C-alpha atoms as a PDB file:
ATOM      1  CA  UNK A   1      35.469  13.930  52.088  1.00  0.00           C
ATOM      2  CA  UNK A   2      36.327  17.261  50.520  1.00  0.00           C
ATOM      3  CA  UNK A   3      33.591  19.073  48.623  1.00  0.00           C
ATOM      4  CA  UNK A   4      34.995  21.013  45.671  1.00  0.00           C
ATOM      5  CA  UNK A   5      34.002  24.660  45.298  1.00  0.00           C
ATOM      6  CA  UNK A   6      31.043  25.436  43.103  1.00  0.00           C
ATOM      7  CA  UNK A   7      31.734  27.129  39.800  1.00  0.00           C
ATOM      8  CA  UNK A   8      30.329  30.631  39.528  1.00  0.00           C
ATOM      9  CA  UNK A   9      29.083  32.114  36.288  1.00  0.00           C
ATOM     10  CA  UNK A  10      32.008  34.588  36.342  1.00  0.00           C
ATOM     11  CA  UNK A  11      34.603  31.824  36.089  1.00  0.00           C
ATOM     12  CA  UNK A  12      35.527  30.419  32.713  1.00  0.00           C
ATOM     13  CA  UNK A  13      36.099  26.712  32.136  1.00  0.00           C
ATOM     14  CA  UNK A  14      37.809  25.537  28.984  1.00  0.00           C
ATOM     15  CA  UNK A  15      36.876  22.116  27.658  1.00  0.00           C
ATOM     16  CA  UNK A  16      38.888  20.332  24.998  1.00  0.00           C
ATOM     17  CA  UNK A  17      37.359  18.015  22.439  1.00  0.00           C
ATOM     18  CA  UNK A  18      38.598  15.030  24.463  1.00  0.00           C
ATOM     19  CA  UNK A  19      36.951  16.364  27.614  1.00  0.00           C
ATOM     20  CA  UNK A  20      33.346  17.263  26.834  1.00  0.00           C
ATOM     21  CA  UNK A  21      32.573  17.362  30.543  1.00  0.00           C
ATOM     22  CA  UNK A  22      34.218  16.719  33.896  1.00  0.00           C
ATOM     23  CA  UNK A  23      33.003  14.134  36.405  1.00  0.00           C
ATOM     24  CA  UNK A  24      34.485  13.902  39.891  1.00  0.00           C
ATOM     25  CA  UNK A  25      35.287  12.163  42.135  1.00  0.00           C
ATOM     26  CA  UNK A  26      35.500   8.818  40.386  1.00  0.00           C
ATOM     27  CA  UNK A  27      34.936   6.537  42.187  1.00  0.00           C
ATOM     28  CA  UNK A  28      32.440   8.339  44.420  1.00  0.00           C
ATOM     29  CA  UNK A  29      30.856   7.308  47.698  1.00  0.00           C
ATOM     30  CA  UNK A  30      28.262  10.016  48.348  1.00  0.00           C
ATOM     31  CA  UNK A  31      28.165  12.917  45.887  1.00  0.00           C
ATOM     32  CA  UNK A  32      29.260  13.000  42.278  1.00  0.00           C
ATOM     33  CA  UNK A  33      29.798  16.335  40.512  1.00  0.00           C
ATOM     34  CA  UNK A  34      29.321  16.823  36.773  1.00  0.00           C
ATOM     35  CA  UNK A  35      30.734  20.009  35.238  1.00  0.00           C
ATOM     36  CA  UNK A  36      29.988  21.069  31.661  1.00  0.00           C
ATOM     37  CA  UNK A  37      29.133  23.907  29.314  1.00  0.00           C
ATOM     38  CA  UNK A  38      25.836  24.575  27.561  1.00  0.00           C
ATOM     39  CA  UNK A  39      23.966  21.331  28.348  1.00  0.00           C
ATOM     40  CA  UNK A  40      20.339  20.719  27.436  1.00  0.00           C
ATOM     41  CA  UNK A  41      20.138  17.685  29.712  1.00  0.00           C
ATOM     42  CA  UNK A  42      22.300  15.807  32.218  1.00  0.00           C
ATOM     43  CA  UNK A  43      21.281  12.322  33.311  1.00  0.00           C
ATOM     44  CA  UNK A  44      22.551   9.412  35.372  1.00  0.00           C
ATOM     45  CA  UNK A  45      21.664   5.951  34.108  1.00  0.00           C
ATOM     46  CA  UNK A  46      22.258   2.344  34.973  1.00  0.00           C
ATOM     47  CA  UNK A  47      24.294   0.317  32.464  1.00  0.00           C
ATOM     48  CA  UNK A  48      20.947  -1.081  31.240  1.00  0.00           C
ATOM     49  CA  UNK A  49      19.983   2.435  30.109  1.00  0.00           C
ATOM     50  CA  UNK A  50      17.376   3.074  32.826  1.00  0.00           C
ATOM     51  CA  UNK A  51      17.467   6.773  33.772  1.00  0.00           C
ATOM     52  CA  UNK A  52      17.787   7.308  37.519  1.00  0.00           C
ATOM     53  CA  UNK A  53      18.177  11.112  37.608  1.00  0.00           C
ATOM     54  CA  UNK A  54      17.521  13.778  34.976  1.00  0.00           C
ATOM     55  CA  UNK A  55      18.383  17.490  35.047  1.00  0.00           C
ATOM     56  CA  UNK A  56      16.879  19.647  32.266  1.00  0.00           C
ATOM     57  CA  UNK A  57      18.646  22.885  31.250  1.00  0.00           C
ATOM     58  CA  UNK A  58      21.026  22.695  34.250  1.00  0.00           C
ATOM     59  CA  UNK A  59      23.577  25.305  35.290  1.00  0.00           C
ATOM     60  CA  UNK A  60      27.282  24.574  34.677  1.00  0.00           C
ATOM     61  CA  UNK A  61      27.611  22.036  37.496  1.00  0.00           C
ATOM     62  CA  UNK A  62      25.306  19.341  38.846  1.00  0.00           C
ATOM     63  CA  UNK A  63      25.735  17.609  42.198  1.00  0.00           C
ATOM     64  CA  UNK A  64      24.063  14.212  42.577  1.00  0.00           C
ATOM     65  CA  UNK A  65      23.653  12.750  46.068  1.00  0.00           C
ATOM     66  CA  UNK A  66      24.210   9.016  45.606  1.00  0.00           C
ATOM     67  CA  UNK A  67      24.629   8.143  49.288  1.00  0.00           C
ATOM     68  CA  UNK A  68      21.663   5.727  49.310  1.00  0.00           C
ATOM     69  CA  UNK A  69      22.253   4.305  45.819  1.00  0.00           C
ATOM     70  CA  UNK A  70      23.629   0.765  45.497  1.00  0.00           C
ATOM     71  CA  UNK A  71      27.322   0.332  44.749  1.00  0.00           C
ATOM     72  CA  UNK A  72      28.030  -0.268  41.091  1.00  0.00           C
ATOM     73  CA  UNK A  73      28.855   1.239  37.724  1.00  0.00           C
ATOM     74  CA  UNK A  74      26.743   4.124  36.405  1.00  0.00           C
ATOM     75  CA  UNK A  75      26.763   6.326  33.307  1.00  0.00           C
ATOM     76  CA  UNK A  76      26.729  10.116  33.319  1.00  0.00           C
ATOM     77  CA  UNK A  77      25.226  11.509  30.116  1.00  0.00           C
ATOM     78  CA  UNK A  78      25.458  15.135  28.998  1.00  0.00           C
ATOM     79  CA  UNK A  79      23.404  16.233  25.976  1.00  0.00           C
ATOM     80  CA  UNK A  80      24.463  19.502  24.323  1.00  0.00           C
ATOM     81  CA  UNK A  81      23.663  21.190  20.999  1.00  0.00           C
ATOM     82  CA  UNK A  82      26.936  19.619  19.731  1.00  0.00           C
ATOM     83  CA  UNK A  83      25.971  16.043  20.641  1.00  0.00           C
ATOM     84  CA  UNK A  84      25.677  13.599  23.515  1.00  0.00           C
ATOM     85  CA  UNK A  85      28.624  12.565  25.672  1.00  0.00           C
ATOM     86  CA  UNK A  86      28.850   9.739  28.203  1.00  0.00           C
ATOM     87  CA  UNK A  87      31.291   8.807  30.958  1.00  0.00           C
ATOM     88  CA  UNK A  88      31.278   5.696  33.115  1.00  0.00           C
ATOM     89  CA  UNK A  89      31.851   6.018  36.865  1.00  0.00           C
ATOM     90  CA  UNK A  90      31.890   3.852  39.959  1.00  0.00           C
ATOM     91  CA  UNK A  91      29.794   4.325  43.102  1.00  0.00           C
ATOM     92  CA  UNK A  92      31.334   2.557  46.113  1.00  0.00           C
END
């Protein structure tokens, strides 16, 4: 699989109101990448709400190695000063 380049602090990402953060690839098989601006917390949860991974005050991109996680549907949550945003994704 192709690993996308990391975002440096010198690059500027523009997010629209309909795209509070980017999550790719979806579906994923090993790593999932979450790209955002100004997050206080990024977390991955099961549909039940159980948090499986939490990143406090992360940089602009988080990589989560899900290679050993069971296949299924997960939620990526990004909490910012403007609110909380969630996207559903599939791990194969």
